[in-house]
C-alpha cells in the first residue's frame, strides 16, 4: 500500500543517515571495542535466534555430513547461481545446491534416519523452489538414466544425500527442542508442528574466500566481508522456522601461515531488526559442527547476513516451503513436455 511504501522509504532514509554518521550500534565478540555486552544482547534482543552446540548432535553425524558435502562438491554438484535483486540478475558469491525432501517420515520420529533404500529418499525429478525471484531445481534422488538401481544405491552421491536427510531430521528435532526451551508451545496438533518445523528443503551454500572470491564489505556496521548480504528468507511457509548447519572442511594446499589465519578469522552470522536504527545488531561467531535455529516469527521481523571467515564453509539451510507450484509442471505451464 501507499502508506507502507512511505514508511519503508522513511526507514531506509533514516538508516542511511545513521550509516553516514557512523553511529549504528552493534555487538561483535571478535572486535575489542564491541565485545562487552554481546551475550546479553543476543539473549535479550534476539531470543528467537537459538544456537545449537556441536555437542548437541552425535559426533558421528558431523563426520558423515562433512564427508557427504565434500563428496557432492567434488562431484561438481555445487554451482554459482543467480538471484533477482532490485530488478536485475545478480550472481551469488557462493556456489549452491538445492535438495528437496518430499516424502518426509513421521514428524514424531525426527531422530530416525532411514536407510538409503527407503522410499522417503526417492524424491521426484523436476522439483523446484522459488527463491529471491528465481526458480531453483532440486537434485533428484531418482536413479539417473543408464544406471541400474543397484549401482545407484551404492553411488557415493546417493549415500551423501542420505546423510543430508539425516541432518535434516536431526535439525527438526533440535528445532522442536529449542522451541520448547524458548517457551513456544509444542502441544499443538502434529499437523501444525509439521508445518512449522517439518523442513522439506535444504539450500546448501559453499564458499572458500581464500580461493579468489571477490566479496563485498558489510555496508552498515563495518563488520567485514559478506558471503551473503543482508536479507530475510522468502518462499517459506508463513510463520515457519529455519535451521542452518555449519560444516567447515580443512582447506587444501595451503601453507602454515594460511592455516593460522583460517583458525583466527571465524565465520559469523549477522542479525538485525529490519530497518531499525535503535536496536543493536549482533555478529555471532560460528564454529564447525554448530547449528542455529530461527524460530517461528524471527524471519518476519529480522534480517540476517553471513560474514566470511578465512577458511571454506558449507552451510546447509533447512526450510519449510509451500508445496504449491513445487514442480516444473505446474510452475511452467505449457512448457513441460515440449521437446
C-alpha atoms as a PDB file:
ATOM      1  CA  UNK A   1       0.000   0.000   0.000  1.00  0.00           C
ATOM      2  CA  UNK A   2       0.961   3.654  -0.376  1.00  0.00           C
ATOM      3  CA  UNK A   3       1.228   4.119   3.386  1.00  0.00           C
ATOM      4  CA  UNK A   4       3.544   1.147   3.898  1.00  0.00           C
ATOM      5  CA  UNK A   5       5.764   2.249   0.994  1.00  0.00           C
ATOM      6  CA  UNK A   6       6.135   5.714   2.517  1.00  0.00           C
ATOM      7  CA  UNK A   7       7.000   4.174   5.877  1.00  0.00           C
ATOM      8  CA  UNK A   8       9.591   1.861   4.311  1.00  0.00           C
ATOM      9  CA  UNK A   9      11.182   4.761   2.424  1.00  0.00           C
ATOM     10  CA  UNK A  10      11.370   6.781   5.627  1.00  0.00           C
ATOM     11  CA  UNK A  11      13.057   3.904   7.473  1.00  0.00           C
ATOM     12  CA  UNK A  12      15.618   3.440   4.711  1.00  0.00           C
ATOM     13  CA  UNK A  13      16.394   7.162   4.709  1.00  0.00           C
ATOM     14  CA  UNK A  14      16.877   7.163   8.479  1.00  0.00           C
ATOM     15  CA  UNK A  15      19.127   4.094   8.250  1.00  0.00           C
ATOM     16  CA  UNK A  16      21.333   5.688   5.592  1.00  0.00           C
ATOM     17  CA  UNK A  17      21.621   8.857   7.680  1.00  0.00           C
ATOM     18  CA  UNK A  18      22.871   6.805  10.623  1.00  0.00           C
ATOM     19  CA  UNK A  19      25.300   4.926   8.376  1.00  0.00           C
ATOM     20  CA  UNK A  20      26.794   8.196   7.171  1.00  0.00           C
ATOM     21  CA  UNK A  21      27.056   9.408  10.762  1.00  0.00           C
ATOM     22  CA  UNK A  22      28.719   6.144  11.779  1.00  0.00           C
ATOM     23  CA  UNK A  23      26.607   5.700  14.891  1.00  0.00           C
ATOM     24  CA  UNK A  24      24.728   2.448  14.323  1.00  0.00           C
ATOM     25  CA  UNK A  25      25.139   0.284  17.458  1.00  0.00           C
ATOM     26  CA  UNK A  26      26.318  -3.330  17.256  1.00  0.00           C
ATOM     27  CA  UNK A  27      27.972  -6.103  19.252  1.00  0.00           C
ATOM     28  CA  UNK A  28      30.696  -8.362  17.867  1.00  0.00           C
ATOM     29  CA  UNK A  29      32.774 -10.551  20.218  1.00  0.00           C
ATOM     30  CA  UNK A  30      35.618 -10.637  17.666  1.00  0.00           C
ATOM     31  CA  UNK A  31      36.095  -6.839  17.883  1.00  0.00           C
ATOM     32  CA  UNK A  32      37.659  -5.452  21.050  1.00  0.00           C
ATOM     33  CA  UNK A  33      35.555  -2.289  21.258  1.00  0.00           C
ATOM     34  CA  UNK A  34      32.257  -4.082  20.613  1.00  0.00           C
ATOM     35  CA  UNK A  35      32.525  -7.337  22.601  1.00  0.00           C
ATOM     36  CA  UNK A  36      31.190  -6.283  26.018  1.00  0.00           C
ATOM     37  CA  UNK A  37      27.502  -6.966  26.364  1.00  0.00           C
ATOM     38  CA  UNK A  38      27.373  -9.309  23.368  1.00  0.00           C
ATOM     39  CA  UNK A  39      25.878 -12.309  25.168  1.00  0.00           C
ATOM     40  CA  UNK A  40      23.230 -10.225  26.931  1.00  0.00           C
ATOM     41  CA  UNK A  41      22.291  -8.517  23.660  1.00  0.00           C
ATOM     42  CA  UNK A  42      21.971 -11.839  21.833  1.00  0.00           C
ATOM     43  CA  UNK A  43      19.841 -13.389  24.569  1.00  0.00           C
ATOM     44  CA  UNK A  44      17.601 -10.406  25.261  1.00  0.00           C
ATOM     45  CA  UNK A  45      17.258  -8.724  21.875  1.00  0.00           C
ATOM     46  CA  UNK A  46      17.152 -11.851  19.681  1.00  0.00           C
ATOM     47  CA  UNK A  47      15.516 -14.554  21.819  1.00  0.00           C
ATOM     48  CA  UNK A  48      14.086 -16.358  18.771  1.00  0.00           C
ATOM     49  CA  UNK A  49      17.612 -16.978  17.474  1.00  0.00           C
ATOM     50  CA  UNK A  50      18.884 -20.162  19.121  1.00  0.00           C
ATOM     51  CA  UNK A  51      22.381 -21.664  18.946  1.00  0.00           C
ATOM     52  CA  UNK A  52      22.710 -25.435  18.757  1.00  0.00           C
ATOM     53  CA  UNK A  53      26.105 -26.583  20.043  1.00  0.00           C
ATOM     54  CA  UNK A  54      28.242 -29.178  18.274  1.00  0.00           C
ATOM     55  CA  UNK A  55      27.901 -31.488  21.274  1.00  0.00           C
ATOM     56  CA  UNK A  56      24.101 -31.468  20.902  1.00  0.00           C
ATOM     57  CA  UNK A  57      24.458 -33.738  17.869  1.00  0.00           C
ATOM     58  CA  UNK A  58      26.133 -37.132  17.744  1.00  0.00           C
ATOM     59  CA  UNK A  59      29.834 -36.922  16.848  1.00  0.00           C
ATOM     60  CA  UNK A  60      29.412 -39.444  14.044  1.00  0.00           C
ATOM     61  CA  UNK A  61      26.810 -37.163  12.430  1.00  0.00           C
ATOM     62  CA  UNK A  62      29.393 -34.381  11.972  1.00  0.00           C
ATOM     63  CA  UNK A  63      31.890 -36.733  10.329  1.00  0.00           C
ATOM     64  CA  UNK A  64      29.338 -38.270   7.956  1.00  0.00           C
ATOM     65  CA  UNK A  65      27.702 -34.996   6.926  1.00  0.00           C
ATOM     66  CA  UNK A  66      31.006 -33.253   6.253  1.00  0.00           C
ATOM     67  CA  UNK A  67      32.159 -36.185   4.132  1.00  0.00           C
ATOM     68  CA  UNK A  68      28.841 -36.145   2.259  1.00  0.00           C
ATOM     69  CA  UNK A  69      29.122 -32.442   1.461  1.00  0.00           C
ATOM     70  CA  UNK A  70      32.720 -32.823   0.321  1.00  0.00           C
ATOM     71  CA  UNK A  71      31.710 -35.720  -1.945  1.00  0.00           C
ATOM     72  CA  UNK A  72      28.936 -33.667  -3.555  1.00  0.00           C
ATOM     73  CA  UNK A  73      31.290 -30.706  -4.033  1.00  0.00           C
ATOM     74  CA  UNK A  74      33.974 -32.912  -5.562  1.00  0.00           C
ATOM     75  CA  UNK A  75      31.370 -34.397  -7.938  1.00  0.00           C
ATOM     76  CA  UNK A  76      30.558 -30.913  -9.261  1.00  0.00           C
ATOM     77  CA  UNK A  77      27.024 -30.553  -7.893  1.00  0.00           C
ATOM     78  CA  UNK A  78      27.641 -27.077  -6.432  1.00  0.00           C
ATOM     79  CA  UNK A  79      27.152 -24.285  -8.965  1.00  0.00           C
ATOM     80  CA  UNK A  80      27.134 -20.497  -8.829  1.00  0.00           C
ATOM     81  CA  UNK A  81      23.574 -19.237  -9.001  1.00  0.00           C
ATOM     82  CA  UNK A  82      21.611 -16.085  -9.853  1.00  0.00           C
ATOM     83  CA  UNK A  83      19.171 -14.112  -7.704  1.00  0.00           C
ATOM     84  CA  UNK A  84      16.784 -11.302  -8.622  1.00  0.00           C
ATOM     85  CA  UNK A  85      17.728  -8.135  -6.700  1.00  0.00           C
ATOM     86  CA  UNK A  86      16.477  -4.608  -7.406  1.00  0.00           C
ATOM     87  CA  UNK A  87      15.062  -5.623 -10.812  1.00  0.00           C
ATOM     88  CA  UNK A  88      18.285  -7.184 -12.050  1.00  0.00           C
ATOM     89  CA  UNK A  89      20.021 -10.545 -12.086  1.00  0.00           C
ATOM     90  CA  UNK A  90      22.929 -10.791  -9.644  1.00  0.00           C
ATOM     91  CA  UNK A  91      25.307 -13.771  -9.430  1.00  0.00           C
ATOM     92  CA  UNK A  92      25.685 -15.298  -5.997  1.00  0.00           C
ATOM     93  CA  UNK A  93      29.073 -15.165  -4.298  1.00  0.00           C
ATOM     94  CA  UNK A  94      28.527 -18.708  -3.064  1.00  0.00           C
ATOM     95  CA  UNK A  95      28.082 -21.920  -5.001  1.00  0.00           C
ATOM     96  CA  UNK A  96      24.909 -23.749  -4.038  1.00  0.00           C
ATOM     97  CA  UNK A  97      22.903 -26.930  -4.264  1.00  0.00           C
ATOM     98  CA  UNK A  98      19.175 -27.446  -3.682  1.00  0.00           C
ATOM     99  CA  UNK A  99      17.782 -30.654  -2.182  1.00  0.00           C
ATOM    100  CA  UNK A 100      14.039 -31.239  -1.775  1.00  0.00           C
ATOM    101  CA  UNK A 101      12.760 -33.626   0.887  1.00  0.00           C
ATOM    102  CA  UNK A 102       9.410 -34.753  -0.450  1.00  0.00           C
ATOM    103  CA  UNK A 103       8.239 -37.928   1.247  1.00  0.00           C
ATOM    104  CA  UNK A 104       9.019 -36.986   4.835  1.00  0.00           C
ATOM    105  CA  UNK A 105       8.736 -39.655   7.502  1.00  0.00           C
ATOM    106  CA  UNK A 106       6.654 -39.158  10.630  1.00  0.00           C
ATOM    107  CA  UNK A 107       7.428 -35.879  12.356  1.00  0.00           C
ATOM    108  CA  UNK A 108       7.446 -37.646  15.708  1.00  0.00           C
ATOM    109  CA  UNK A 109      10.272 -39.926  14.522  1.00  0.00           C
ATOM    110  CA  UNK A 110      12.529 -36.962  13.833  1.00  0.00           C
ATOM    111  CA  UNK A 111      15.704 -38.637  15.080  1.00  0.00           C
ATOM    112  CA  UNK A 112      15.208 -41.768  12.967  1.00  0.00           C
ATOM    113  CA  UNK A 113      17.433 -41.855   9.883  1.00  0.00           C
ATOM    114  CA  UNK A 114      16.011 -44.195   7.230  1.00  0.00           C
ATOM    115  CA  UNK A 115      18.384 -46.343   5.144  1.00  0.00           C
ATOM    116  CA  UNK A 116      19.304 -45.152   1.614  1.00  0.00           C
ATOM    117  CA  UNK A 117      16.913 -47.643   0.043  1.00  0.00           C
ATOM    118  CA  UNK A 118      13.932 -46.253   1.979  1.00  0.00           C
ATOM    119  CA  UNK A 119      11.061 -44.769  -0.048  1.00  0.00           C
ATOM    120  CA  UNK A 120      11.471 -41.414   1.716  1.00  0.00           C
ATOM    121  CA  UNK A 121      14.780 -40.934  -0.105  1.00  0.00           C
ATOM    122  CA  UNK A 122      13.200 -41.115  -3.539  1.00  0.00           C
ATOM    123  CA  UNK A 123      12.267 -37.582  -4.494  1.00  0.00           C
ATOM    124  CA  UNK A 124      10.903 -36.934  -7.947  1.00  0.00           C
ATOM    125  CA  UNK A 125      12.825 -35.170 -10.746  1.00  0.00           C
ATOM    126  CA  UNK A 126      11.750 -31.644 -11.632  1.00  0.00           C
ATOM    127  CA  UNK A 127      11.069 -30.455  -8.073  1.00  0.00           C
ATOM    128  CA  UNK A 128      11.739 -26.755  -7.616  1.00  0.00           C
ATOM    129  CA  UNK A 129      11.944 -23.955  -5.075  1.00  0.00           C
ATOM    130  CA  UNK A 130      11.217 -20.310  -5.881  1.00  0.00           C
ATOM    131  CA  UNK A 131      13.764 -18.149  -4.028  1.00  0.00           C
ATOM    132  CA  UNK A 132      14.672 -14.484  -4.472  1.00  0.00           C
ATOM    133  CA  UNK A 133      12.570 -14.168  -7.604  1.00  0.00           C
ATOM    134  CA  UNK A 134      14.013 -17.155  -9.459  1.00  0.00           C
ATOM    135  CA  UNK A 135      13.211 -20.862  -9.537  1.00  0.00           C
ATOM    136  CA  UNK A 136      15.845 -23.360  -8.406  1.00  0.00           C
ATOM    137  CA  UNK A 137      15.694 -27.003  -9.487  1.00  0.00           C
ATOM    138  CA  UNK A 138      16.413 -29.592  -6.828  1.00  0.00           C
ATOM    139  CA  UNK A 139      18.787 -32.518  -7.054  1.00  0.00           C
ATOM    140  CA  UNK A 140      16.773 -35.692  -7.621  1.00  0.00           C
ATOM    141  CA  UNK A 141      17.317 -38.943  -5.782  1.00  0.00           C
ATOM    142  CA  UNK A 142      15.889 -40.939  -8.672  1.00  0.00           C
ATOM    143  CA  UNK A 143      18.171 -43.331 -10.487  1.00  0.00           C
ATOM    144  CA  UNK A 144      19.769 -41.493 -13.469  1.00  0.00           C
ATOM    145  CA  UNK A 145      19.084 -42.829 -16.980  1.00  0.00           C
ATOM    146  CA  UNK A 146      21.506 -45.561 -17.985  1.00  0.00           C
ATOM    147  CA  UNK A 147      22.306 -46.695 -14.443  1.00  0.00           C
ATOM    148  CA  UNK A 148      20.882 -49.686 -12.634  1.00  0.00           C
ATOM    149  CA  UNK A 149      19.035 -49.243  -9.361  1.00  0.00           C
ATOM    150  CA  UNK A 150      21.671 -51.376  -7.635  1.00  0.00           C
ATOM    151  CA  UNK A 151      24.557 -49.243  -8.939  1.00  0.00           C
ATOM    152  CA  UNK A 152      22.755 -46.043  -7.962  1.00  0.00           C
ATOM    153  CA  UNK A 153      22.031 -47.285  -4.441  1.00  0.00           C
ATOM    154  CA  UNK A 154      25.775 -47.805  -3.947  1.00  0.00           C
ATOM    155  CA  UNK A 155      26.758 -44.460  -5.502  1.00  0.00           C
ATOM    156  CA  UNK A 156      28.671 -42.085  -3.200  1.00  0.00           C
ATOM    157  CA  UNK A 157      26.368 -39.224  -4.124  1.00  0.00           C
ATOM    158  CA  UNK A 158      23.267 -41.225  -3.265  1.00  0.00           C
ATOM    159  CA  UNK A 159      24.791 -42.097   0.104  1.00  0.00           C
ATOM    160  CA  UNK A 160      25.644 -38.420   0.571  1.00  0.00           C
ATOM    161  CA  UNK A 161      22.007 -37.482   0.031  1.00  0.00           C
ATOM    162  CA  UNK A 162      21.018 -39.998   2.683  1.00  0.00           C
ATOM    163  CA  UNK A 163      23.276 -38.175   5.155  1.00  0.00           C
ATOM    164  CA  UNK A 164      21.597 -34.876   4.272  1.00  0.00           C
ATOM    165  CA  UNK A 165      18.274 -36.473   5.090  1.00  0.00           C
ATOM    166  CA  UNK A 166      19.811 -37.488   8.428  1.00  0.00           C
ATOM    167  CA  UNK A 167      20.953 -33.976   9.368  1.00  0.00           C
ATOM    168  CA  UNK A 168      17.568 -32.655   8.244  1.00  0.00           C
ATOM    169  CA  UNK A 169      15.835 -34.929  10.745  1.00  0.00           C
ATOM    170  CA  UNK A 170      18.338 -34.036  13.470  1.00  0.00           C
ATOM    171  CA  UNK A 171      17.635 -30.330  12.878  1.00  0.00           C
ATOM    172  CA  UNK A 172      13.890 -30.945  13.049  1.00  0.00           C
ATOM    173  CA  UNK A 173      14.428 -32.487  16.491  1.00  0.00           C
ATOM    174  CA  UNK A 174      16.740 -29.647  17.581  1.00  0.00           C
ATOM    175  CA  UNK A 175      14.224 -27.034  16.430  1.00  0.00           C
ATOM    176  CA  UNK A 176      11.446 -28.682  18.363  1.00  0.00           C
ATOM    177  CA  UNK A 177      13.680 -28.760  21.464  1.00  0.00           C
ATOM    178  CA  UNK A 178      14.703 -25.098  21.120  1.00  0.00           C
ATOM    179  CA  UNK A 179      11.087 -24.049  20.620  1.00  0.00           C
ATOM    180  CA  UNK A 180      10.227 -25.742  23.899  1.00  0.00           C
ATOM    181  CA  UNK A 181      13.171 -24.112  25.709  1.00  0.00           C
ATOM    182  CA  UNK A 182      12.121 -20.729  24.340  1.00  0.00           C
ATOM    183  CA  UNK A 183       8.617 -21.231  25.666  1.00  0.00           C
ATOM    184  CA  UNK A 184       6.915 -21.768  22.332  1.00  0.00           C
ATOM    185  CA  UNK A 185       4.066 -24.228  22.502  1.00  0.00           C
ATOM    186  CA  UNK A 186       4.922 -27.765  21.412  1.00  0.00           C
ATOM    187  CA  UNK A 187       1.496 -29.113  22.328  1.00  0.00           C
ATOM    188  CA  UNK A 188      -0.129 -28.124  19.067  1.00  0.00           C
ATOM    189  CA  UNK A 189      -1.543 -30.658  16.654  1.00  0.00           C
ATOM    190  CA  UNK A 190       1.017 -32.780  14.824  1.00  0.00           C
ATOM    191  CA  UNK A 191      -0.036 -31.238  11.502  1.00  0.00           C
ATOM    192  CA  UNK A 192       0.710 -27.743  12.842  1.00  0.00           C
ATOM    193  CA  UNK A 193       4.110 -28.807  14.200  1.00  0.00           C
ATOM    194  CA  UNK A 194       4.944 -30.460  10.886  1.00  0.00           C
ATOM    195  CA  UNK A 195       4.068 -27.236   9.079  1.00  0.00           C
ATOM    196  CA  UNK A 196       6.263 -25.061  11.315  1.00  0.00           C
ATOM    197  CA  UNK A 197       9.230 -27.394  11.905  1.00  0.00           C
ATOM    198  CA  UNK A 198       8.997 -30.087   9.211  1.00  0.00           C
ATOM    199  CA  UNK A 199      11.836 -28.964   6.945  1.00  0.00           C
ATOM    200  CA  UNK A 200      11.282 -30.096   3.362  1.00  0.00           C
ATOM    201  CA  UNK A 201      14.090 -28.306   1.540  1.00  0.00           C
ATOM    202  CA  UNK A 202      17.815 -27.743   2.068  1.00  0.00           C
ATOM    203  CA  UNK A 203      19.616 -24.945   0.245  1.00  0.00           C
ATOM    204  CA  UNK A 204      23.314 -25.682   0.709  1.00  0.00           C
ATOM    205  CA  UNK A 205      25.934 -22.986   0.120  1.00  0.00           C
ATOM    206  CA  UNK A 206      29.677 -23.459  -0.323  1.00  0.00           C
ATOM    207  CA  UNK A 207      32.350 -20.763  -0.308  1.00  0.00           C
ATOM    208  CA  UNK A 208      36.080 -20.669   0.214  1.00  0.00           C
ATOM    209  CA  UNK A 209      37.070 -16.978   0.400  1.00  0.00           C
ATOM    210  CA  UNK A 210      40.743 -17.877   0.092  1.00  0.00           C
ATOM    211  CA  UNK A 211      40.160 -19.384  -3.348  1.00  0.00           C
ATOM    212  CA  UNK A 212      39.953 -15.986  -5.052  1.00  0.00           C
ATOM    213  CA  UNK A 213      36.372 -14.953  -4.276  1.00  0.00           C
ATOM    214  CA  UNK A 214      35.655 -11.223  -4.534  1.00  0.00           C
ATOM    215  CA  UNK A 215      33.453 -10.245  -1.608  1.00  0.00           C
ATOM    216  CA  UNK A 216      31.588  -7.070  -0.744  1.00  0.00           C
ATOM    217  CA  UNK A 217      32.139  -5.332   2.588  1.00  0.00           C
ATOM    218  CA  UNK A 218      29.229  -5.158   5.034  1.00  0.00           C
ATOM    219  CA  UNK A 219      27.799  -1.657   4.410  1.00  0.00           C
ATOM    220  CA  UNK A 220      26.109  -0.608   7.679  1.00  0.00           C
ATOM    221  CA  UNK A 221      28.293  -1.595  10.635  1.00  0.00           C
ATOM    222  CA  UNK A 222      31.692  -2.308   9.072  1.00  0.00           C
ATOM    223  CA  UNK A 223      31.586  -5.962  10.122  1.00  0.00           C
ATOM    224  CA  UNK A 224      33.852  -7.247   7.344  1.00  0.00           C
ATOM    225  CA  UNK A 225      33.375  -9.107   4.074  1.00  0.00           C
ATOM    226  CA  UNK A 226      29.996 -10.690   3.383  1.00  0.00           C
ATOM    227  CA  UNK A 227      29.448 -14.073   1.810  1.00  0.00           C
ATOM    228  CA  UNK A 228      25.680 -13.428   1.792  1.00  0.00           C
ATOM    229  CA  UNK A 229      24.174  -9.914   2.040  1.00  0.00           C
ATOM    230  CA  UNK A 230      21.511  -8.750   4.497  1.00  0.00           C
ATOM    231  CA  UNK A 231      18.161 -10.368   3.733  1.00  0.00           C
ATOM    232  CA  UNK A 232      15.142 -12.198   5.068  1.00  0.00           C
ATOM    233  CA  UNK A 233      14.355 -15.589   3.545  1.00  0.00           C
ATOM    234  CA  UNK A 234      11.383 -15.787   1.211  1.00  0.00           C
ATOM    235  CA  UNK A 235       9.345 -18.529  -0.424  1.00  0.00           C
ATOM    236  CA  UNK A 236       8.643 -20.054   3.005  1.00  0.00           C
ATOM    237  CA  UNK A 237       5.510 -21.277   4.675  1.00  0.00           C
ATOM    238  CA  UNK A 238       4.360 -18.303   6.748  1.00  0.00           C
ATOM    239  CA  UNK A 239       5.485 -18.492  10.376  1.00  0.00           C
ATOM    240  CA  UNK A 240       7.778 -21.494   9.862  1.00  0.00           C
ATOM    241  CA  UNK A 241      11.194 -21.995  11.424  1.00  0.00           C
ATOM    242  CA  UNK A 242      14.620 -22.086   9.723  1.00  0.00           C
ATOM    243  CA  UNK A 243      17.680 -24.123  10.749  1.00  0.00           C
ATOM    244  CA  UNK A 244      21.268 -23.825   9.494  1.00  0.00           C
ATOM    245  CA  UNK A 245      24.056 -26.383   9.961  1.00  0.00           C
ATOM    246  CA  UNK A 246      27.704 -25.307   9.541  1.00  0.00           C
ATOM    247  CA  UNK A 247      30.442 -27.607   8.238  1.00  0.00           C
ATOM    248  CA  UNK A 248      33.942 -26.221   7.759  1.00  0.00           C
ATOM    249  CA  UNK A 249      36.326 -28.575   5.976  1.00  0.00           C
ATOM    250  CA  UNK A 250      40.056 -28.125   6.216  1.00  0.00           C
ATOM    251  CA  UNK A 251      41.487 -26.004   3.383  1.00  0.00           C
ATOM    252  CA  UNK A 252      43.562 -27.849   0.823  1.00  0.00           C
ATOM    253  CA  UNK A 253      47.071 -26.961  -0.346  1.00  0.00           C
ATOM    254  CA  UNK A 254      47.718 -24.056   1.983  1.00  0.00           C
ATOM    255  CA  UNK A 255      50.801 -23.113   3.979  1.00  0.00           C
ATOM    256  CA  UNK A 256      51.235 -22.766   7.731  1.00  0.00           C
ATOM    257  CA  UNK A 257      50.521 -19.025   7.683  1.00  0.00           C
ATOM    258  CA  UNK A 258      47.237 -19.514   5.848  1.00  0.00           C
ATOM    259  CA  UNK A 259      46.301 -22.331   8.248  1.00  0.00           C
ATOM    260  CA  UNK A 260      46.850 -19.988  11.201  1.00  0.00           C
ATOM    261  CA  UNK A 261      44.704 -17.290   9.550  1.00  0.00           C
ATOM    262  CA  UNK A 262      41.991 -19.878   8.905  1.00  0.00           C
ATOM    263  CA  UNK A 263      41.797 -20.517  12.658  1.00  0.00           C
ATOM    264  CA  UNK A 264      41.846 -16.838  13.646  1.00  0.00           C
ATOM    265  CA  UNK A 265      39.079 -15.470  11.419  1.00  0.00           C
ATOM    266  CA  UNK A 266      35.717 -17.061  12.255  1.00  0.00           C
ATOM    267  CA  UNK A 267      32.641 -17.179  10.119  1.00  0.00           C
ATOM    268  CA  UNK A 268      29.819 -15.139  11.664  1.00  0.00           C
ATOM    269  CA  UNK A 269      26.118 -14.638  11.098  1.00  0.00           C
ATOM    270  CA  UNK A 270      24.908 -11.048  11.456  1.00  0.00           C
ATOM    271  CA  UNK A 271      21.470 -10.294  12.913  1.00  0.00           C
ATOM    272  CA  UNK A 272      19.481  -7.061  12.946  1.00  0.00           C
ATOM    273  CA  UNK A 273      15.918  -5.865  13.240  1.00  0.00           C
ATOM    274  CA  UNK A 274      14.819  -4.926   9.728  1.00  0.00           C
ATOM    275  CA  UNK A 275      15.407  -1.213   9.037  1.00  0.00           C
ATOM    276  CA  UNK A 276      15.814  -0.480  12.768  1.00  0.00           C
ATOM    277  CA  UNK A 277      18.435   2.066  13.870  1.00  0.00           C
ATOM    278  CA  UNK A 278      17.934   1.777  17.631  1.00  0.00           C
ATOM    279  CA  UNK A 279      18.290  -1.962  18.324  1.00  0.00           C
ATOM    280  CA  UNK A 280      21.959  -3.032  18.177  1.00  0.00           C
ATOM    281  CA  UNK A 281      22.917  -5.606  15.591  1.00  0.00           C
ATOM    282  CA  UNK A 282      24.965  -8.648  16.622  1.00  0.00           C
ATOM    283  CA  UNK A 283      27.571 -10.744  14.823  1.00  0.00           C
ATOM    284  CA  UNK A 284      27.505 -14.330  16.092  1.00  0.00           C
ATOM    285  CA  UNK A 285      30.635 -16.494  15.533  1.00  0.00           C
ATOM    286  CA  UNK A 286      30.009 -19.917  14.008  1.00  0.00           C
ATOM    287  CA  UNK A 287      32.215 -22.968  14.573  1.00  0.00           C
ATOM    288  CA  UNK A 288      32.443 -26.235  12.678  1.00  0.00           C
ATOM    289  CA  UNK A 289      29.547 -28.536  13.528  1.00  0.00           C
ATOM    290  CA  UNK A 290      27.444 -25.843  15.172  1.00  0.00           C
ATOM    291  CA  UNK A 291      23.942 -25.007  14.029  1.00  0.00           C
ATOM    292  CA  UNK A 292      21.453 -22.259  14.688  1.00  0.00           C
ATOM    293  CA  UNK A 293      17.684 -22.045  14.579  1.00  0.00           C
ATOM    294  CA  UNK A 294      15.492 -19.074  13.744  1.00  0.00           C
ATOM    295  CA  UNK A 295      12.216 -19.875  15.471  1.00  0.00           C
ATOM    296  CA  UNK A 296       8.786 -19.025  14.014  1.00  0.00           C
ATOM    297  CA  UNK A 297       8.339 -15.259  13.787  1.00  0.00           C
ATOM    298  CA  UNK A 298      12.053 -14.355  13.605  1.00  0.00           C
ATOM    299  CA  UNK A 299      12.341 -14.210   9.825  1.00  0.00           C
ATOM    300  CA  UNK A 300       9.296 -11.940   9.511  1.00  0.00           C
ATOM    301  CA  UNK A 301      10.840  -9.145  11.622  1.00  0.00           C
ATOM    302  CA  UNK A 302      14.588  -9.549  11.219  1.00  0.00           C
ATOM    303  CA  UNK A 303      17.312  -9.695   8.603  1.00  0.00           C
ATOM    304  CA  UNK A 304      20.494 -11.731   8.658  1.00  0.00           C
ATOM    305  CA  UNK A 305      23.740 -11.854   6.677  1.00  0.00           C
ATOM    306  CA  UNK A 306      26.743 -14.175   6.539  1.00  0.00           C
ATOM    307  CA  UNK A 307      30.166 -12.687   7.281  1.00  0.00           C
ATOM    308  CA  UNK A 308      33.036 -14.602   5.695  1.00  0.00           C
ATOM    309  CA  UNK A 309      35.799 -16.270   7.635  1.00  0.00           C
ATOM    310  CA  UNK A 310      39.134 -17.232   6.145  1.00  0.00           C
ATOM    311  CA  UNK A 311      38.502 -20.919   5.520  1.00  0.00           C
ATOM    312  CA  UNK A 312      35.965 -22.854   3.426  1.00  0.00           C
ATOM    313  CA  UNK A 313      32.411 -23.372   4.723  1.00  0.00           C
ATOM    314  CA  UNK A 314      29.352 -25.376   3.831  1.00  0.00           C
ATOM    315  CA  UNK A 315      26.065 -24.085   5.232  1.00  0.00           C
ATOM    316  CA  UNK A 316      23.014 -26.300   4.933  1.00  0.00           C
ATOM    317  CA  UNK A 317      19.899 -24.154   5.406  1.00  0.00           C
ATOM    318  CA  UNK A 318      16.745 -26.145   6.094  1.00  0.00           C
ATOM    319  CA  UNK A 319      13.367 -24.541   5.452  1.00  0.00           C
ATOM    320  CA  UNK A 320       9.671 -25.289   5.174  1.00  0.00           C
ATOM    321  CA  UNK A 321       8.461 -24.268   1.736  1.00  0.00           C
ATOM    322  CA  UNK A 322       4.922 -24.214   0.470  1.00  0.00           C
ATOM    323  CA  UNK A 323       4.341 -27.234  -1.743  1.00  0.00           C
ATOM    324  CA  UNK A 324       2.241 -25.139  -4.159  1.00  0.00           C
ATOM    325  CA  UNK A 325       3.911 -24.984  -7.588  1.00  0.00           C
ATOM    326  CA  UNK A 326       6.772 -27.113  -6.264  1.00  0.00           C
ATOM    327  CA  UNK A 327       7.399 -28.959  -9.504  1.00  0.00           C
ATOM    328  CA  UNK A 328       8.238 -27.801 -13.011  1.00  0.00           C
ATOM    329  CA  UNK A 329       4.915 -28.972 -14.487  1.00  0.00           C
ATOM    330  CA  UNK A 330       2.614 -26.541 -12.576  1.00  0.00           C
ATOM    331  CA  UNK A 331       5.356 -23.931 -12.246  1.00  0.00           C
ATOM    332  CA  UNK A 332       5.970 -23.782 -16.002  1.00  0.00           C
ATOM    333  CA  UNK A 333       2.587 -24.466 -17.599  1.00  0.00           C
ATOM    334  CA  UNK A 334       2.699 -25.064 -21.317  1.00  0.00           C
ATOM    335  CA  UNK A 335       6.436 -25.799 -21.321  1.00  0.00           C
ATOM    336  CA  UNK A 336       6.734 -29.173 -19.651  1.00  0.00           C
ATOM    337  CA  UNK A 337       6.533 -31.978 -22.127  1.00  0.00           C
ATOM    338  CA  UNK A 338       7.862 -29.924 -25.039  1.00  0.00           C
ATOM    339  CA  UNK A 339      10.812 -31.423 -26.815  1.00  0.00           C
END
